[in-house]
N, C-alpha and C. Protein backbone atom coordinates (compact mmCIF):
# COMPACT_ATOMS: atom_id res chain seq x y z
N MET A 1 11.57 12.30 -9.66
CA MET A 1 11.32 11.17 -8.79
C MET A 1 9.83 10.84 -8.86
N MET A 2 9.56 9.56 -8.95
CA MET A 2 8.18 9.09 -8.92
C MET A 2 7.96 8.34 -7.61
N LYS A 3 6.76 8.49 -7.05
CA LYS A 3 6.37 7.75 -5.85
C LYS A 3 5.03 7.08 -6.14
N GLU A 4 4.88 5.89 -5.61
CA GLU A 4 3.62 5.16 -5.78
C GLU A 4 3.40 4.25 -4.59
N ASN A 5 2.18 4.23 -4.09
CA ASN A 5 1.80 3.25 -3.06
C ASN A 5 1.29 2.02 -3.79
N TYR A 6 1.88 0.87 -3.46
CA TYR A 6 1.55 -0.36 -4.18
C TYR A 6 1.63 -1.53 -3.21
N ASN A 7 0.54 -2.26 -3.08
CA ASN A 7 0.53 -3.49 -2.27
C ASN A 7 1.01 -3.26 -0.83
N GLY A 8 0.74 -2.10 -0.27
CA GLY A 8 1.16 -1.82 1.09
C GLY A 8 2.58 -1.30 1.21
N TYR A 9 3.24 -1.06 0.11
CA TYR A 9 4.61 -0.54 0.10
C TYR A 9 4.63 0.82 -0.60
N GLU A 10 5.62 1.62 -0.27
CA GLU A 10 5.86 2.85 -1.03
C GLU A 10 7.03 2.61 -1.96
N LEU A 11 6.79 2.81 -3.25
CA LEU A 11 7.81 2.64 -4.26
C LEU A 11 8.32 4.01 -4.66
N GLN A 12 9.62 4.15 -4.77
CA GLN A 12 10.23 5.41 -5.20
C GLN A 12 11.25 5.12 -6.29
N THR A 13 11.21 5.90 -7.35
CA THR A 13 12.23 5.80 -8.38
C THR A 13 12.95 7.13 -8.47
N ALA A 14 14.23 7.09 -8.83
CA ALA A 14 15.01 8.31 -8.96
C ALA A 14 16.21 8.03 -9.86
N TRP A 15 16.70 9.09 -10.48
CA TRP A 15 17.89 9.01 -11.33
C TRP A 15 19.12 8.84 -10.44
N ASP A 16 20.03 7.96 -10.86
CA ASP A 16 21.28 7.73 -10.14
C ASP A 16 22.43 8.13 -11.08
N ASP A 17 23.08 9.26 -10.78
CA ASP A 17 24.17 9.75 -11.62
C ASP A 17 25.31 8.75 -11.73
N GLY A 18 25.62 8.08 -10.63
CA GLY A 18 26.73 7.12 -10.63
C GLY A 18 26.48 5.92 -11.52
N ALA A 19 25.24 5.46 -11.54
CA ALA A 19 24.89 4.28 -12.34
C ALA A 19 24.42 4.67 -13.74
N LEU A 20 24.19 5.96 -13.97
CA LEU A 20 23.69 6.46 -15.26
C LEU A 20 22.38 5.81 -15.65
N GLY A 21 21.47 5.76 -14.70
CA GLY A 21 20.15 5.20 -14.95
C GLY A 21 19.25 5.41 -13.75
N TYR A 22 18.03 4.96 -13.90
CA TYR A 22 17.04 5.05 -12.81
C TYR A 22 17.14 3.83 -11.91
N GLY A 23 16.89 4.06 -10.64
CA GLY A 23 16.84 2.98 -9.68
C GLY A 23 15.57 3.11 -8.86
N PHE A 24 15.30 2.08 -8.07
CA PHE A 24 14.12 2.14 -7.20
C PHE A 24 14.47 1.74 -5.79
N ARG A 25 13.63 2.18 -4.87
CA ARG A 25 13.70 1.79 -3.47
C ARG A 25 12.29 1.47 -3.03
N ILE A 26 12.17 0.48 -2.15
CA ILE A 26 10.87 0.06 -1.63
C ILE A 26 10.89 0.21 -0.12
N PHE A 27 9.84 0.85 0.41
CA PHE A 27 9.73 1.11 1.84
C PHE A 27 8.45 0.45 2.37
N ASP A 28 8.53 -0.10 3.59
CA ASP A 28 7.34 -0.69 4.20
C ASP A 28 6.49 0.39 4.85
N LYS A 29 5.41 -0.04 5.52
CA LYS A 29 4.47 0.91 6.13
C LYS A 29 5.10 1.79 7.20
N SER A 30 6.14 1.28 7.86
CA SER A 30 6.80 2.06 8.90
C SER A 30 7.86 3.00 8.34
N GLY A 31 8.11 2.95 7.04
CA GLY A 31 9.08 3.83 6.41
C GLY A 31 10.47 3.24 6.29
N ALA A 32 10.63 1.98 6.70
CA ALA A 32 11.93 1.33 6.59
C ALA A 32 12.15 0.81 5.17
N GLU A 33 13.36 1.00 4.66
CA GLU A 33 13.69 0.49 3.33
C GLU A 33 13.80 -1.03 3.39
N VAL A 34 13.06 -1.72 2.53
CA VAL A 34 13.07 -3.18 2.54
C VAL A 34 13.68 -3.78 1.28
N SER A 35 13.85 -2.96 0.24
CA SER A 35 14.46 -3.46 -0.99
C SER A 35 14.90 -2.28 -1.84
N LYS A 36 15.85 -2.54 -2.75
CA LYS A 36 16.26 -1.51 -3.71
C LYS A 36 16.83 -2.20 -4.94
N SER A 37 16.90 -1.45 -6.02
CA SER A 37 17.42 -2.02 -7.26
C SER A 37 18.94 -2.12 -7.20
N ILE A 38 19.44 -3.06 -7.96
CA ILE A 38 20.89 -3.24 -8.08
C ILE A 38 21.36 -2.65 -9.41
N ASP A 39 20.64 -2.97 -10.47
CA ASP A 39 20.99 -2.52 -11.81
C ASP A 39 20.19 -1.27 -12.18
N PRO A 40 20.79 -0.37 -12.97
CA PRO A 40 20.07 0.82 -13.40
C PRO A 40 19.12 0.50 -14.56
N TYR A 41 18.10 1.33 -14.71
CA TYR A 41 17.12 1.20 -15.79
C TYR A 41 17.18 2.46 -16.64
N PHE A 42 17.07 2.28 -17.95
CA PHE A 42 17.17 3.39 -18.89
C PHE A 42 15.96 4.32 -18.77
N TYR A 43 14.80 3.73 -18.56
CA TYR A 43 13.57 4.52 -18.44
C TYR A 43 13.03 4.42 -17.03
N GLU A 44 12.49 5.52 -16.52
CA GLU A 44 11.94 5.54 -15.18
C GLU A 44 10.75 4.59 -15.06
N GLU A 45 9.95 4.48 -16.11
CA GLU A 45 8.80 3.58 -16.09
C GLU A 45 9.24 2.12 -15.93
N ASN A 46 10.39 1.76 -16.51
CA ASN A 46 10.91 0.40 -16.35
C ASN A 46 11.36 0.15 -14.91
N ALA A 47 11.94 1.15 -14.28
CA ALA A 47 12.34 1.02 -12.87
C ALA A 47 11.11 0.85 -11.99
N LEU A 48 10.05 1.60 -12.29
CA LEU A 48 8.82 1.48 -11.51
C LEU A 48 8.20 0.10 -11.69
N GLN A 49 8.19 -0.41 -12.91
CA GLN A 49 7.64 -1.75 -13.14
C GLN A 49 8.45 -2.81 -12.39
N ALA A 50 9.77 -2.69 -12.41
CA ALA A 50 10.62 -3.62 -11.67
C ALA A 50 10.36 -3.53 -10.17
N ALA A 51 10.10 -2.32 -9.68
CA ALA A 51 9.78 -2.14 -8.26
C ALA A 51 8.48 -2.85 -7.91
N ARG A 52 7.49 -2.80 -8.80
CA ARG A 52 6.22 -3.51 -8.57
C ARG A 52 6.45 -5.01 -8.48
N VAL A 53 7.28 -5.54 -9.38
CA VAL A 53 7.58 -6.97 -9.37
C VAL A 53 8.27 -7.34 -8.06
N ALA A 54 9.21 -6.52 -7.64
CA ALA A 54 9.93 -6.78 -6.37
C ALA A 54 8.96 -6.70 -5.18
N ALA A 55 8.04 -5.74 -5.20
CA ALA A 55 7.07 -5.62 -4.11
C ALA A 55 6.15 -6.84 -4.07
N ASP A 56 5.76 -7.35 -5.24
CA ASP A 56 4.96 -8.56 -5.30
C ASP A 56 5.71 -9.73 -4.68
N ALA A 57 6.99 -9.84 -4.96
CA ALA A 57 7.81 -10.92 -4.39
C ALA A 57 7.91 -10.77 -2.87
N LEU A 58 8.04 -9.53 -2.39
CA LEU A 58 8.07 -9.31 -0.94
C LEU A 58 6.75 -9.74 -0.30
N SER A 59 5.64 -9.44 -0.95
CA SER A 59 4.32 -9.81 -0.42
C SER A 59 4.17 -11.32 -0.33
N GLU A 60 4.71 -12.03 -1.31
CA GLU A 60 4.62 -13.48 -1.33
C GLU A 60 5.45 -14.12 -0.22
N GLN A 61 6.50 -13.44 0.21
CA GLN A 61 7.38 -13.97 1.27
C GLN A 61 6.75 -13.84 2.65
N GLU A 62 5.75 -12.96 2.80
CA GLU A 62 5.15 -12.73 4.11
C GLU A 62 4.26 -13.86 4.55
């Protein structure tokens, strides 16, 4: 599992046995989950990059 603080969010990636790939979850400052991946990623780095893009989109919505 990888964790990264990015743009005020905590990004987490982890392997999902059911999806046979990596997924991500995004948490706000209070620890509430605000977004997660739908599709699996073959590489963990790709899941983390997708999480950054999603976090950027969340920041733009604020």
